[in-house]
């Protein structure tokens, strides 16, 4: 079943509401996302911090593009996982990211090693979120044969 098209083509929109302290509630197509901060950043730890959500979004984008490439090639893999690490420094009271490291692990039959390598490279170029981030990026791929 094909999902319905957005009301406005090529537009994403979210509504974010401050709920006290540094906590916010964001509505994304009916989904509620709580964003807060850790105690050490004056939050109540009710949810991830905005910078952590950025890491999650970039990781999801990279995995999404790897999987879409593999699906296009009609390849079935066992798993695709990524750990995204963001190194930051404090500029005044703000965290400023200097480097993102992407540690991707794909488990698949050994005969798929080359197509997984290609998917990994293609995804790095197609994930829009990666192209708008002006930070150093390091990409690591671990291929785990499942046979």
C-alpha atoms as a PDB file:
ATOM      1  CA  UNK A   1       0.000   0.000   0.000  1.00  0.00           C
ATOM      2  CA  UNK A   2       1.356   3.398  -0.991  1.00  0.00           C
ATOM      3  CA  UNK A   3       1.270   6.022   1.759  1.00  0.00           C
ATOM      4  CA  UNK A   4      -0.663   9.204   1.054  1.00  0.00           C
ATOM      5  CA  UNK A   5       1.290  12.120  -0.387  1.00  0.00           C
ATOM      6  CA  UNK A   6       1.986  15.082   1.877  1.00  0.00           C
ATOM      7  CA  UNK A   7      -0.412  17.996   1.718  1.00  0.00           C
ATOM      8  CA  UNK A   8       2.376  20.155   0.305  1.00  0.00           C
ATOM      9  CA  UNK A   9       4.854  18.313  -1.925  1.00  0.00           C
ATOM     10  CA  UNK A  10       8.524  18.565  -0.924  1.00  0.00           C
ATOM     11  CA  UNK A  11       7.774  20.079   2.485  1.00  0.00           C
ATOM     12  CA  UNK A  12       8.319  18.654   5.955  1.00  0.00           C
ATOM     13  CA  UNK A  13       6.879  20.521   8.887  1.00  0.00           C
ATOM     14  CA  UNK A  14       6.902  19.883  12.634  1.00  0.00           C
ATOM     15  CA  UNK A  15       5.377  21.749  15.570  1.00  0.00           C
ATOM     16  CA  UNK A  16       7.513  22.184  18.676  1.00  0.00           C
ATOM     17  CA  UNK A  17       6.153  23.367  22.018  1.00  0.00           C
ATOM     18  CA  UNK A  18       8.113  24.356  25.116  1.00  0.00           C
ATOM     19  CA  UNK A  19       6.812  22.403  28.117  1.00  0.00           C
ATOM     20  CA  UNK A  20       9.025  23.814  30.899  1.00  0.00           C
ATOM     21  CA  UNK A  21      12.669  23.822  31.863  1.00  0.00           C
ATOM     22  CA  UNK A  22      14.482  22.994  28.618  1.00  0.00           C
ATOM     23  CA  UNK A  23      11.961  20.282  27.674  1.00  0.00           C
ATOM     24  CA  UNK A  24      10.021  20.445  24.417  1.00  0.00           C
ATOM     25  CA  UNK A  25       7.338  18.348  22.797  1.00  0.00           C
ATOM     26  CA  UNK A  26       7.454  18.097  19.018  1.00  0.00           C
ATOM     27  CA  UNK A  27       4.619  16.737  16.901  1.00  0.00           C
ATOM     28  CA  UNK A  28       5.809  15.041  13.703  1.00  0.00           C
ATOM     29  CA  UNK A  29       2.913  13.801  11.545  1.00  0.00           C
ATOM     30  CA  UNK A  30       1.034  12.896  14.733  1.00  0.00           C
ATOM     31  CA  UNK A  31       4.054  11.335  16.458  1.00  0.00           C
ATOM     32  CA  UNK A  32       5.125  12.911  19.741  1.00  0.00           C
ATOM     33  CA  UNK A  33       8.843  13.419  20.295  1.00  0.00           C
ATOM     34  CA  UNK A  34      10.059  14.637  23.681  1.00  0.00           C
ATOM     35  CA  UNK A  35      13.387  16.447  23.645  1.00  0.00           C
ATOM     36  CA  UNK A  36      15.063  17.511  26.849  1.00  0.00           C
ATOM     37  CA  UNK A  37      18.580  17.450  28.132  1.00  0.00           C
ATOM     38  CA  UNK A  38      20.682  15.489  30.564  1.00  0.00           C
ATOM     39  CA  UNK A  39      20.864  16.644  34.154  1.00  0.00           C
ATOM     40  CA  UNK A  40      24.363  18.041  33.601  1.00  0.00           C
ATOM     41  CA  UNK A  41      22.901  20.406  30.957  1.00  0.00           C
ATOM     42  CA  UNK A  42      20.051  21.569  33.232  1.00  0.00           C
ATOM     43  CA  UNK A  43      17.483  19.177  31.820  1.00  0.00           C
ATOM     44  CA  UNK A  44      15.302  16.621  33.550  1.00  0.00           C
ATOM     45  CA  UNK A  45      16.443  13.769  31.271  1.00  0.00           C
ATOM     46  CA  UNK A  46      12.893  13.187  29.970  1.00  0.00           C
ATOM     47  CA  UNK A  47      14.261  12.624  26.484  1.00  0.00           C
ATOM     48  CA  UNK A  48      17.311  12.981  24.283  1.00  0.00           C
ATOM     49  CA  UNK A  49      18.979  16.374  23.871  1.00  0.00           C
ATOM     50  CA  UNK A  50      18.655  18.219  20.549  1.00  0.00           C
ATOM     51  CA  UNK A  51      22.238  17.327  19.615  1.00  0.00           C
ATOM     52  CA  UNK A  52      21.495  13.658  20.258  1.00  0.00           C
ATOM     53  CA  UNK A  53      18.419  13.905  18.042  1.00  0.00           C
ATOM     54  CA  UNK A  54      20.660  15.301  15.309  1.00  0.00           C
ATOM     55  CA  UNK A  55      22.913  12.243  15.646  1.00  0.00           C
ATOM     56  CA  UNK A  56      19.853   9.990  15.515  1.00  0.00           C
ATOM     57  CA  UNK A  57      18.520  11.739  12.423  1.00  0.00           C
ATOM     58  CA  UNK A  58      21.838  11.527  10.578  1.00  0.00           C
ATOM     59  CA  UNK A  59      22.252   7.865  11.536  1.00  0.00           C
ATOM     60  CA  UNK A  60      18.736   7.057  10.371  1.00  0.00           C
ATOM     61  CA  UNK A  61      19.355   8.883   7.090  1.00  0.00           C
ATOM     62  CA  UNK A  62      22.531   6.906   6.412  1.00  0.00           C
ATOM     63  CA  UNK A  63      20.897   3.555   7.246  1.00  0.00           C
ATOM     64  CA  UNK A  64      17.831   4.485   5.186  1.00  0.00           C
ATOM     65  CA  UNK A  65      19.943   5.114   2.099  1.00  0.00           C
ATOM     66  CA  UNK A  66      22.007   1.955   2.551  1.00  0.00           C
ATOM     67  CA  UNK A  67      18.823  -0.110   2.845  1.00  0.00           C
ATOM     68  CA  UNK A  68      17.125   1.636  -0.071  1.00  0.00           C
ATOM     69  CA  UNK A  69      20.121   0.891  -2.299  1.00  0.00           C
ATOM     70  CA  UNK A  70      20.096  -2.759  -1.237  1.00  0.00           C
ATOM     71  CA  UNK A  71      16.342  -2.983  -1.815  1.00  0.00           C
ATOM     72  CA  UNK A  72      16.784  -1.455  -5.272  1.00  0.00           C
ATOM     73  CA  UNK A  73      19.352  -4.168  -6.008  1.00  0.00           C
ATOM     74  CA  UNK A  74      16.872  -6.736  -4.614  1.00  0.00           C
ATOM     75  CA  UNK A  75      19.380  -7.859  -2.011  1.00  0.00           C
ATOM     76  CA  UNK A  76      18.332  -9.176   1.383  1.00  0.00           C
ATOM     77  CA  UNK A  77      20.666  -8.610   4.326  1.00  0.00           C
ATOM     78  CA  UNK A  78      20.310  -9.724   7.933  1.00  0.00           C
ATOM     79  CA  UNK A  79      20.925  -6.381   9.626  1.00  0.00           C
ATOM     80  CA  UNK A  80      22.181  -2.826   9.150  1.00  0.00           C
ATOM     81  CA  UNK A  81      23.268  -0.916  12.259  1.00  0.00           C
ATOM     82  CA  UNK A  82      25.101   2.354  12.787  1.00  0.00           C
ATOM     83  CA  UNK A  83      26.624   3.977  15.829  1.00  0.00           C
ATOM     84  CA  UNK A  84      27.003   7.720  15.340  1.00  0.00           C
ATOM     85  CA  UNK A  85      29.412   9.536  17.615  1.00  0.00           C
ATOM     86  CA  UNK A  86      29.526  13.312  17.656  1.00  0.00           C
ATOM     87  CA  UNK A  87      32.576  15.026  19.096  1.00  0.00           C
ATOM     88  CA  UNK A  88      31.861  18.540  20.284  1.00  0.00           C
ATOM     89  CA  UNK A  89      33.454  21.448  22.062  1.00  0.00           C
ATOM     90  CA  UNK A  90      31.884  24.150  24.119  1.00  0.00           C
ATOM     91  CA  UNK A  91      31.679  27.591  22.521  1.00  0.00           C
ATOM     92  CA  UNK A  92      30.373  29.762  25.329  1.00  0.00           C
ATOM     93  CA  UNK A  93      27.516  27.626  26.690  1.00  0.00           C
ATOM     94  CA  UNK A  94      26.796  25.856  23.398  1.00  0.00           C
ATOM     95  CA  UNK A  95      27.954  22.480  22.133  1.00  0.00           C
ATOM     96  CA  UNK A  96      29.490  22.802  18.674  1.00  0.00           C
ATOM     97  CA  UNK A  97      30.106  19.587  16.752  1.00  0.00           C
ATOM     98  CA  UNK A  98      33.527  19.221  15.145  1.00  0.00           C
ATOM     99  CA  UNK A  99      33.402  15.604  13.973  1.00  0.00           C
ATOM    100  CA  UNK A 100      30.919  12.811  13.337  1.00  0.00           C
ATOM    101  CA  UNK A 101      32.038   9.192  13.244  1.00  0.00           C
ATOM    102  CA  UNK A 102      29.787   6.597  11.628  1.00  0.00           C
ATOM    103  CA  UNK A 103      30.482   2.978  12.546  1.00  0.00           C
ATOM    104  CA  UNK A 104      28.254   0.886  10.298  1.00  0.00           C
ATOM    105  CA  UNK A 105      27.850  -2.873  10.656  1.00  0.00           C
ATOM    106  CA  UNK A 106      26.080  -4.905   7.982  1.00  0.00           C
ATOM    107  CA  UNK A 107      25.444  -8.620   8.367  1.00  0.00           C
ATOM    108  CA  UNK A 108      24.726 -10.454   5.130  1.00  0.00           C
ATOM    109  CA  UNK A 109      25.736 -13.508   3.130  1.00  0.00           C
ATOM    110  CA  UNK A 110      29.422 -13.291   2.135  1.00  0.00           C
ATOM    111  CA  UNK A 111      28.563 -13.157  -1.581  1.00  0.00           C
ATOM    112  CA  UNK A 112      27.019  -9.707  -0.954  1.00  0.00           C
ATOM    113  CA  UNK A 113      30.210  -8.058   0.327  1.00  0.00           C
ATOM    114  CA  UNK A 114      30.779  -5.946  -2.809  1.00  0.00           C
ATOM    115  CA  UNK A 115      27.171  -4.763  -3.132  1.00  0.00           C
ATOM    116  CA  UNK A 116      27.177  -3.777   0.549  1.00  0.00           C
ATOM    117  CA  UNK A 117      30.432  -1.846   0.034  1.00  0.00           C
ATOM    118  CA  UNK A 118      28.804  -0.035  -2.895  1.00  0.00           C
ATOM    119  CA  UNK A 119      25.623   0.697  -0.924  1.00  0.00           C
ATOM    120  CA  UNK A 120      27.759   2.168   1.857  1.00  0.00           C
ATOM    121  CA  UNK A 121      29.531   4.535  -0.563  1.00  0.00           C
ATOM    122  CA  UNK A 122      26.352   5.529  -2.408  1.00  0.00           C
ATOM    123  CA  UNK A 123      24.528   6.259   0.850  1.00  0.00           C
ATOM    124  CA  UNK A 124      27.272   8.662   1.935  1.00  0.00           C
ATOM    125  CA  UNK A 125      26.617  10.731  -1.172  1.00  0.00           C
ATOM    126  CA  UNK A 126      22.829  10.527  -1.155  1.00  0.00           C
ATOM    127  CA  UNK A 127      21.976  11.223   2.481  1.00  0.00           C
ATOM    128  CA  UNK A 128      20.953  14.876   2.372  1.00  0.00           C
ATOM    129  CA  UNK A 129      21.602  15.374   6.066  1.00  0.00           C
ATOM    130  CA  UNK A 130      25.259  14.477   5.594  1.00  0.00           C
ATOM    131  CA  UNK A 131      25.681  17.078   2.859  1.00  0.00           C
ATOM    132  CA  UNK A 132      24.315  19.938   4.971  1.00  0.00           C
ATOM    133  CA  UNK A 133      26.522  19.226   7.988  1.00  0.00           C
ATOM    134  CA  UNK A 134      29.705  21.271   7.919  1.00  0.00           C
ATOM    135  CA  UNK A 135      31.773  18.984  10.138  1.00  0.00           C
ATOM    136  CA  UNK A 136      34.488  16.405   9.600  1.00  0.00           C
ATOM    137  CA  UNK A 137      33.030  12.975   8.950  1.00  0.00           C
ATOM    138  CA  UNK A 138      34.607   9.559   9.342  1.00  0.00           C
ATOM    139  CA  UNK A 139      32.918   6.464   7.922  1.00  0.00           C
ATOM    140  CA  UNK A 140      33.742   2.899   8.945  1.00  0.00           C
ATOM    141  CA  UNK A 141      32.084  -0.212   7.567  1.00  0.00           C
ATOM    142  CA  UNK A 142      32.250  -3.654   9.109  1.00  0.00           C
ATOM    143  CA  UNK A 143      30.885  -6.438   6.939  1.00  0.00           C
ATOM    144  CA  UNK A 144      29.881  -9.554   8.891  1.00  0.00           C
ATOM    145  CA  UNK A 145      29.307 -12.613   6.749  1.00  0.00           C
ATOM    146  CA  UNK A 146      26.248 -14.522   7.930  1.00  0.00           C
ATOM    147  CA  UNK A 147      27.214 -17.842   6.318  1.00  0.00           C
END
